[in-house]
């Protein structure tokens, strides 16, 4: 898929809570095609300590508004600088990068599992999956304050929730949710902390369910040149930014 270097304009910057902002970017021309699971490398201007672009998952594509959304977690100087952007500011991005999720057959019973900021690519994936089936979302976070965009997810399909402190939904981790015992799924997609994805992969493997995960290895260049994000797979060492970030768990050397 063709990659673009674009100067996009901030249409809206929404502070979701103390740790997250939602950046909506646009341009006068129609945005290029992007697939669920792909990401962008975003340049950070005005930060004396940030020299590399920041890889951020594509959260959603609003074709009517001609906007691409990015859910940004504030974890360092670079992302905190992005959080300061105002409406009308210009942000340089390279997109779309990487390979996205595969599409299931029509009518399949699919589960989308997201943990923390790993919920970000699940929203756009859910939107596209609605053309094929009725997706179910299982979202996990530390507390209800950390569960983001719930209203948007509820507009795409059934939503189930876990929180570690029990403040919303079932208490515990996503792999402890009762829906995994009560429902049978044909396909599972997951993104989030690696221990969570490994637990989901173990569940899928044990139950004979196809499963794809989006890895969050540290990425710098986004095109497979710097070798920062290498993952050892059954096919050898690969760059996650180029060969992934989405992988079928059958290709990974996880103990499942």
Foldseek 3Di string as FASTA:
>chain_A
DDKDKDWWFFQDWADLDPFKIKTKTADPDADDDDDQQWWKFWDAPDQPPDDFTDTFGFQAADRVVSITMTIATPDDRRSVSVNPDDGGDIIIMMDGFFDHDDADAAAFAEEEEEEQSRCRSVLHVLVVNLVRYAYEYEYEYQAPSRDPPPVSVVVRHHYAYEHCVCNDGHHDASLPDCCLVVDDGQEYEYEDDPVNVLSVLVSCVVVVHWYKYQDDQDDTPLDQDPLRQWAQWPVGIDRCSHHHSIDTCNGHPRPD
